[in-house]
């Protein structure tokens, strides 16, 4: 076992009681007590990082330390690790907790320790355990009420740093901009891989949409974004913990590996498109988008009218097609992952068709 007292980035098997005692003491989480035993249980459904709940036993009962914490570490799967390195996912998540979380109001888990090794492509986060929580079901879809709650939280991410170039120009938040040519160059191959793998499972509309958007990737990725803020980039049910601490916390957002600088309505469109049943979305989306606009306006965003907000919502629905089609073939393949990608893409295909999104992506 490596000497983790001098190595800040570790694997889950290297987290010892002594190391955890040092880390939690330095964070001010415990005082004059030692962790003597750790029970590790995997949690979550992430595909580019591995997450564990660590149940802690202390040396004596007279303490106020947490009974458990959450550790998030590098994925054991080499395919997922390679995908994370390509897109700098580990660096993004660690830097978010260190540099951006203190500047925004969205509720995230308290971070007690963070470290990333860019050369080795490893990282670790020790986070507050919000259990018990309620998880929405990404595959079955989410309720309109849960989406309303998520949009309130999303405004607390976007509004405080809307147009703030001291934040949005941070280099690690803009890796996506440097990868536009790469995405354009390889998107055709990735879309074809997706169609070859999943084609028999696609309904006619989803198949048609994927083939159409295969030709629109360059035009979409090269669009000059306006109204830039910090975006989550994968804002959907699997990355949300509802009713945290048994109901005390309405919503906590996790999995910040896709955080970046971009248009806020990208997150809004992705949330509604991936989560809502198409009939529920059509019946509620104008009201939901209007509510989001009211929230960011109340929080101080100016110069962004409701009409532009709705147009951006329609345009950035395209992100869901591109994100999900390419992600599905570069991360570890699992049975649940297949079911999830197909369910979300069916909803997204209906969304971009209903909104006539393609008409807002000029190709010349």
Protein backbone atom coordinates (compact mmCIF):
# COMPACT_ATOMS: atom_id res chain seq x y z
CA UNK A 1 0.00 0.00 0.00
CA UNK A 2 1.35 3.46 -0.89
CA UNK A 3 2.19 5.94 1.80
CA UNK A 4 -0.96 8.02 1.49
CA UNK A 5 0.18 10.40 4.20
CA UNK A 6 2.39 11.95 1.51
CA UNK A 7 0.19 11.15 -1.51
CA UNK A 8 -2.97 13.30 -1.68
CA UNK A 9 -4.64 11.38 -4.53
CA UNK A 10 -5.57 7.83 -3.61
CA UNK A 11 -7.72 4.90 -4.65
CA UNK A 12 -10.63 3.76 -2.54
CA UNK A 13 -8.66 0.85 -1.08
CA UNK A 14 -5.98 3.24 0.15
CA UNK A 15 -8.28 5.26 2.38
CA UNK A 16 -7.23 4.10 5.83
CA UNK A 17 -8.63 5.13 9.22
CA UNK A 18 -5.39 7.00 9.99
CA UNK A 19 -5.49 8.97 6.73
CA UNK A 20 -9.16 9.78 7.14
CA UNK A 21 -8.58 10.91 10.71
CA UNK A 22 -5.90 13.35 9.51
CA UNK A 23 -8.07 14.69 6.70
CA UNK A 24 -11.22 15.16 8.77
CA UNK A 25 -9.26 16.77 11.57
CA UNK A 26 -7.60 19.21 9.15
CA UNK A 27 -11.04 20.06 7.73
CA UNK A 28 -12.38 20.82 11.21
CA UNK A 29 -14.92 18.02 10.88
CA UNK A 30 -13.68 16.07 13.90
CA UNK A 31 -11.65 17.03 16.95
CA UNK A 32 -9.79 14.86 19.47
CA UNK A 33 -11.18 11.62 18.11
CA UNK A 34 -9.81 9.02 15.72
CA UNK A 35 -11.50 6.99 13.03
CA UNK A 36 -10.70 3.35 13.82
CA UNK A 37 -12.77 1.48 11.22
CA UNK A 38 -14.24 2.17 7.77
CA UNK A 39 -16.97 0.23 5.94
CA UNK A 40 -17.06 0.96 2.21
CA UNK A 41 -20.25 0.62 0.15
CA UNK A 42 -20.58 1.68 -3.50
CA UNK A 43 -23.36 4.18 -4.23
CA UNK A 44 -24.68 5.96 -7.28
CA UNK A 45 -24.70 5.13 -10.95
CA UNK A 46 -21.85 7.29 -12.25
CA UNK A 47 -19.88 5.92 -15.19
CA UNK A 48 -16.68 8.00 -15.16
CA UNK A 49 -16.04 8.04 -11.43
CA UNK A 50 -16.58 5.59 -8.57
CA UNK A 51 -18.48 6.72 -5.48
CA UNK A 52 -18.60 5.10 -2.06
CA UNK A 53 -20.31 5.76 1.22
CA UNK A 54 -17.81 5.34 4.05
CA UNK A 55 -19.44 4.36 7.35
CA UNK A 56 -17.12 5.46 10.16
CA UNK A 57 -16.42 3.98 13.56
CA UNK A 58 -14.61 6.22 16.06
CA UNK A 59 -12.35 5.46 18.98
CA UNK A 60 -14.91 6.65 21.53
CA UNK A 61 -18.58 7.63 21.54
CA UNK A 62 -18.14 11.17 22.87
CA UNK A 63 -17.71 12.96 19.54
CA UNK A 64 -19.68 15.01 17.01
CA UNK A 65 -18.10 13.55 13.89
CA UNK A 66 -20.23 12.37 10.95
CA UNK A 67 -21.35 8.77 10.97
CA UNK A 68 -20.52 8.60 7.28
CA UNK A 69 -18.93 10.54 4.44
CA UNK A 70 -18.93 10.06 0.68
CA UNK A 71 -15.71 9.40 -1.23
CA UNK A 72 -15.58 9.91 -4.97
CA UNK A 73 -12.51 8.55 -6.76
CA UNK A 74 -11.21 7.76 -10.23
CA UNK A 75 -13.13 5.12 -12.17
CA UNK A 76 -11.71 1.62 -12.00
CA UNK A 77 -12.85 0.96 -15.57
CA UNK A 78 -10.07 1.89 -18.06
CA UNK A 79 -12.52 2.99 -20.79
CA UNK A 80 -14.19 5.45 -18.46
CA UNK A 81 -10.81 6.64 -17.19
CA UNK A 82 -9.73 7.33 -20.77
CA UNK A 83 -12.93 9.29 -21.43
CA UNK A 84 -12.37 11.33 -18.27
CA UNK A 85 -8.81 12.20 -19.33
CA UNK A 86 -9.92 13.25 -22.80
CA UNK A 87 -12.42 15.73 -21.38
CA UNK A 88 -10.54 16.74 -18.19
CA UNK A 89 -13.49 15.57 -16.10
CA UNK A 90 -11.59 14.98 -12.86
CA UNK A 91 -9.90 18.36 -12.96
CA UNK A 92 -13.20 20.10 -13.64
CA UNK A 93 -14.98 18.52 -10.69
CA UNK A 94 -12.20 19.18 -8.19
CA UNK A 95 -11.73 22.78 -9.34
CA UNK A 96 -15.47 23.38 -9.16
CA UNK A 97 -15.56 22.49 -5.48
CA UNK A 98 -12.41 24.47 -4.77
CA UNK A 99 -13.00 27.63 -6.83
CA UNK A 100 -16.59 28.00 -8.02
CA UNK A 101 -18.82 26.47 -5.35
CA UNK A 102 -17.97 29.27 -2.89
CA UNK A 103 -19.14 31.88 -5.45
CA UNK A 104 -22.57 30.43 -6.27
CA UNK A 105 -25.67 29.65 -4.24
CA UNK A 106 -26.69 26.23 -5.56
CA UNK A 107 -26.68 23.62 -2.80
CA UNK A 108 -23.88 21.08 -3.21
CA UNK A 109 -22.37 18.62 -0.74
CA UNK A 110 -19.90 20.21 1.64
CA UNK A 111 -16.40 19.26 0.51
CA UNK A 112 -13.96 18.18 3.23
CA UNK A 113 -11.05 17.23 1.00
CA UNK A 114 -10.16 17.46 -2.66
CA UNK A 115 -7.12 16.58 -4.76
CA UNK A 116 -6.38 15.83 -8.39
CA UNK A 117 -3.27 14.48 -10.13
CA UNK A 118 -3.38 15.57 -13.76
CA UNK A 119 -0.40 13.43 -14.77
CA UNK A 120 -1.88 10.23 -13.35
CA UNK A 121 -5.50 11.18 -14.13
CA UNK A 122 -6.62 10.43 -10.59
CA UNK A 123 -8.64 12.39 -8.08
CA UNK A 124 -10.45 12.13 -4.79
CA UNK A 125 -13.24 14.10 -3.16
CA UNK A 126 -14.50 13.61 0.38
CA UNK A 127 -18.01 14.98 0.58
CA UNK A 128 -20.87 15.44 2.99
CA UNK A 129 -23.23 12.46 3.09
CA UNK A 130 -26.78 13.77 2.58
CA UNK A 131 -28.48 10.43 3.33
CA UNK A 132 -31.28 9.66 3.62
CA UNK A 133 -32.24 11.15 0.25
CA UNK A 134 -34.85 10.57 -2.42
CA UNK A 135 -33.63 9.78 -5.92
CA UNK A 136 -35.69 10.56 -9.00
CA UNK A 137 -35.77 7.82 -11.63
CA UNK A 138 -33.89 8.88 -14.75
CA UNK A 139 -35.18 5.96 -16.79
CA UNK A 140 -38.85 6.26 -15.84
CA UNK A 141 -38.72 10.05 -15.95
CA UNK A 142 -39.25 12.80 -13.40
CA UNK A 143 -42.25 14.75 -12.20
CA UNK A 144 -43.03 18.33 -13.14
CA UNK A 145 -42.80 19.26 -9.45
CA UNK A 146 -39.25 17.87 -9.22
CA UNK A 147 -38.25 19.81 -12.33
CA UNK A 148 -39.64 23.00 -10.79
CA UNK A 149 -37.47 22.43 -7.70
CA UNK A 150 -34.44 21.74 -9.90
CA UNK A 151 -34.95 24.96 -11.88
CA UNK A 152 -35.02 27.01 -8.68
CA UNK A 153 -31.66 25.51 -7.74
CA UNK A 154 -30.30 25.96 -11.26
CA UNK A 155 -30.97 29.69 -11.13
CA UNK A 156 -28.82 29.76 -7.98
CA UNK A 157 -25.93 28.37 -10.02
CA UNK A 158 -26.33 30.57 -13.09
CA UNK A 159 -27.35 33.96 -11.76
CA UNK A 160 -24.47 34.77 -9.35
CA UNK A 161 -21.81 34.38 -12.09
CA UNK A 162 -23.86 35.35 -15.17
CA UNK A 163 -21.48 37.25 -17.45
CA UNK A 164 -18.75 37.31 -14.78
CA UNK A 165 -15.63 36.81 -16.90
CA UNK A 166 -13.42 36.55 -13.81
CA UNK A 167 -15.09 33.15 -13.37
CA UNK A 168 -16.29 32.11 -16.82
CA UNK A 169 -12.88 32.76 -18.42
CA UNK A 170 -11.09 30.33 -16.09
CA UNK A 171 -9.13 28.02 -18.43
CA UNK A 172 -10.35 24.75 -16.92
CA UNK A 173 -13.97 25.87 -17.41
CA UNK A 174 -13.32 26.30 -21.13
CA UNK A 175 -11.83 22.99 -22.19
CA UNK A 176 -14.97 22.43 -24.24
CA UNK A 177 -14.14 25.39 -26.45
CA UNK A 178 -10.77 23.88 -27.27
CA UNK A 179 -12.39 20.56 -28.12
CA UNK A 180 -14.84 21.86 -30.74
CA UNK A 181 -12.66 20.91 -33.68
CA UNK A 182 -11.99 17.52 -32.12
CA UNK A 183 -15.69 16.88 -31.57
CA UNK A 184 -16.50 17.95 -35.11
CA UNK A 185 -13.78 15.73 -36.53
CA UNK A 186 -14.88 12.63 -34.66
CA UNK A 187 -18.61 13.20 -34.27
CA UNK A 188 -19.50 11.40 -37.48
CA UNK A 189 -17.63 8.32 -36.34
CA UNK A 190 -19.20 8.45 -32.87
CA UNK A 191 -22.71 8.91 -34.25
CA UNK A 192 -22.14 5.97 -36.60
CA UNK A 193 -20.88 3.84 -33.72
CA UNK A 194 -24.00 4.72 -31.77
CA UNK A 195 -26.30 3.82 -34.66
CA UNK A 196 -24.50 0.55 -35.21
CA UNK A 197 -24.74 -0.38 -31.53
CA UNK A 198 -28.23 0.88 -30.71
CA UNK A 199 -29.95 1.16 -34.09
CA UNK A 200 -32.24 -1.86 -33.63
CA UNK A 201 -33.50 -0.41 -30.32
CA UNK A 202 -34.36 3.07 -31.64
CA UNK A 203 -37.84 4.16 -32.58
CA UNK A 204 -38.25 5.82 -35.97
CA UNK A 205 -38.24 9.38 -34.61
CA UNK A 206 -35.07 8.92 -32.55
CA UNK A 207 -33.26 7.26 -35.44
CA UNK A 208 -34.26 10.09 -37.77
CA UNK A 209 -33.21 12.80 -35.31
CA UNK A 210 -29.80 11.25 -34.68
CA UNK A 211 -29.12 11.01 -38.41
CA UNK A 212 -30.20 14.63 -38.90
CA UNK A 213 -28.10 15.99 -36.04
CA UNK A 214 -25.07 14.01 -37.16
CA UNK A 215 -24.77 16.67 -39.87
CA UNK A 216 -25.39 19.61 -37.53
CA UNK A 217 -22.65 19.02 -34.95
CA UNK A 218 -20.16 21.48 -36.47
CA UNK A 219 -22.76 24.23 -36.85
CA UNK A 220 -23.97 23.76 -33.27
CA UNK A 221 -20.56 23.54 -31.61
CA UNK A 222 -19.22 26.55 -33.51
CA UNK A 223 -22.16 28.77 -32.55
CA UNK A 224 -20.96 31.83 -30.63
CA UNK A 225 -22.63 31.63 -27.23
CA UNK A 226 -24.14 34.70 -25.64
CA UNK A 227 -25.12 35.20 -21.98
CA UNK A 228 -22.38 32.91 -20.68
CA UNK A 229 -22.39 31.61 -17.13
CA UNK A 230 -21.22 28.51 -15.26
CA UNK A 231 -23.21 25.47 -16.40
CA UNK A 232 -23.43 21.99 -14.93
CA UNK A 233 -23.38 20.30 -18.33
CA UNK A 234 -25.20 17.12 -17.22
CA UNK A 235 -28.06 18.56 -15.20
CA UNK A 236 -30.48 15.65 -14.89
CA UNK A 237 -32.16 13.38 -12.37
CA UNK A 238 -29.25 10.98 -11.76
CA UNK A 239 -27.17 13.92 -10.54
CA UNK A 240 -29.74 15.20 -8.06
CA UNK A 241 -30.44 14.23 -4.46
CA UNK A 242 -33.90 15.27 -3.31
CA UNK A 243 -35.00 15.72 0.32
CA UNK A 244 -31.48 15.44 1.70
CA UNK A 245 -30.89 14.69 5.37
CA UNK A 246 -34.34 13.15 5.52
CA UNK A 247 -36.16 16.15 4.05
CA UNK A 248 -34.22 19.08 5.51
CA UNK A 249 -32.55 19.95 2.18
CA UNK A 250 -34.90 20.15 -0.84
CA UNK A 251 -32.27 19.40 -3.48
CA UNK A 252 -28.52 18.86 -3.67
CA UNK A 253 -26.73 18.72 -7.02
CA UNK A 254 -23.77 16.37 -7.48
CA UNK A 255 -21.44 15.09 -10.23
CA UNK A 256 -19.73 18.26 -11.44
CA UNK A 257 -17.36 16.59 -13.90
CA UNK A 258 -18.99 18.26 -16.91
CA UNK A 259 -19.01 21.76 -15.43
CA UNK A 260 -18.09 24.47 -17.91
CA UNK A 261 -18.72 27.99 -19.17
CA UNK A 262 -21.69 28.26 -21.49
CA UNK A 263 -25.30 29.34 -22.00
CA UNK A 264 -27.53 28.75 -19.00
CA UNK A 265 -30.44 27.58 -21.14
CA UNK A 266 -28.40 24.57 -22.18
CA UNK A 267 -28.86 23.18 -18.66
CA UNK A 268 -32.55 24.09 -18.69
CA UNK A 269 -33.25 22.40 -22.02
CA UNK A 270 -31.28 19.30 -21.05
CA UNK A 271 -33.12 18.96 -17.74
CA UNK A 272 -36.56 19.16 -19.32
CA UNK A 273 -35.64 17.08 -22.35
CA UNK A 274 -33.99 14.19 -20.54
CA UNK A 275 -36.41 13.96 -17.65
CA UNK A 276 -39.96 14.85 -18.56
CA UNK A 277 -42.43 12.67 -20.39
CA UNK A 278 -42.98 14.45 -23.73
CA UNK A 279 -46.66 15.12 -22.98
CA UNK A 280 -45.79 16.61 -19.58
CA UNK A 281 -43.02 18.67 -21.16
CA UNK A 282 -45.24 20.11 -23.91
CA UNK A 283 -47.95 20.99 -21.41
CA UNK A 284 -45.56 22.74 -18.99
CA UNK A 285 -42.33 23.84 -20.68
CA UNK A 286 -43.27 27.44 -21.47
CA UNK A 287 -44.37 27.98 -17.88
CA UNK A 288 -41.24 26.25 -16.55
CA UNK A 289 -38.86 28.27 -18.73
CA UNK A 290 -40.70 31.46 -17.78
CA UNK A 291 -40.30 30.56 -14.10
CA UNK A 292 -36.56 30.03 -14.57
CA UNK A 293 -36.29 33.41 -16.30
CA UNK A 294 -38.17 35.07 -13.45
CA UNK A 295 -35.77 33.46 -10.96
CA UNK A 296 -32.56 34.61 -12.64
CA UNK A 297 -34.04 38.09 -13.16
CA UNK A 298 -34.98 38.33 -9.49
CA UNK A 299 -31.40 37.27 -8.65
CA UNK A 300 -29.94 40.18 -10.61
CA UNK A 301 -29.51 39.07 -14.23
CA UNK A 302 -30.24 41.98 -16.57
CA UNK A 303 -30.33 42.51 -20.32
CA UNK A 304 -31.75 39.05 -21.04
CA UNK A 305 -35.40 39.20 -22.03
CA UNK A 306 -37.99 36.45 -21.93
CA UNK A 307 -38.14 36.09 -25.72
CA UNK A 308 -34.39 35.48 -25.97
CA UNK A 309 -34.64 33.03 -23.09
CA UNK A 310 -37.27 30.98 -24.94
CA UNK A 311 -35.29 31.06 -28.20
CA UNK A 312 -32.18 29.86 -26.38
CA UNK A 313 -34.17 27.10 -24.73
CA UNK A 314 -35.27 25.86 -28.15
CA UNK A 315 -31.76 26.16 -29.67
CA UNK A 316 -29.83 24.46 -26.88
CA UNK A 317 -32.11 21.44 -26.82
CA UNK A 318 -29.73 20.22 -29.54
CA UNK A 319 -27.09 19.67 -26.87
CA UNK A 320 -28.98 16.67 -25.54
CA UNK A 321 -28.80 14.83 -28.86
CA UNK A 322 -25.07 15.45 -29.26
CA UNK A 323 -24.13 14.89 -25.63
CA UNK A 324 -25.99 11.62 -25.19
CA UNK A 325 -25.18 10.08 -28.57
CA UNK A 326 -21.45 10.61 -28.17
CA UNK A 327 -21.28 9.86 -24.43
CA UNK A 328 -23.01 6.51 -24.87
CA UNK A 329 -20.12 5.11 -26.89
CA UNK A 330 -17.17 6.47 -24.91
CA UNK A 331 -18.02 5.37 -21.35
CA UNK A 332 -18.18 1.92 -19.85
CA UNK A 333 -21.15 0.07 -21.29
CA UNK A 334 -23.65 -1.29 -18.76
CA UNK A 335 -27.17 -2.67 -18.97
CA UNK A 336 -28.56 0.24 -16.99
CA UNK A 337 -26.52 2.70 -19.02
CA UNK A 338 -27.99 1.38 -22.27
CA UNK A 339 -31.52 1.63 -20.94
CA UNK A 340 -30.89 5.13 -19.61
CA UNK A 341 -29.31 6.53 -22.79
CA UNK A 342 -32.13 5.15 -24.93
CA UNK A 343 -34.85 6.50 -22.65
CA UNK A 344 -33.31 9.96 -22.53
CA UNK A 345 -32.69 10.09 -26.26
CA UNK A 346 -36.29 9.16 -27.02
CA UNK A 347 -37.42 12.13 -24.93
CA UNK A 348 -34.80 14.46 -26.41
CA UNK A 349 -35.76 13.44 -29.97
CA UNK A 350 -39.35 14.41 -29.23
CA UNK A 351 -38.19 17.70 -27.66
CA UNK A 352 -36.07 18.91 -30.58
CA UNK A 353 -38.80 17.91 -33.01
CA UNK A 354 -41.55 19.71 -31.09
CA UNK A 355 -39.38 22.83 -30.73
CA UNK A 356 -38.11 22.79 -34.34
CA UNK A 357 -34.62 23.15 -32.89
CA UNK A 358 -32.83 22.36 -36.15
CA UNK A 359 -34.20 25.57 -37.70
CA UNK A 360 -32.20 27.56 -35.13
CA UNK A 361 -28.87 25.95 -36.06
CA UNK A 362 -27.77 27.74 -39.25
CA UNK A 363 -25.51 25.62 -41.43
CA UNK A 364 -24.06 28.46 -43.49
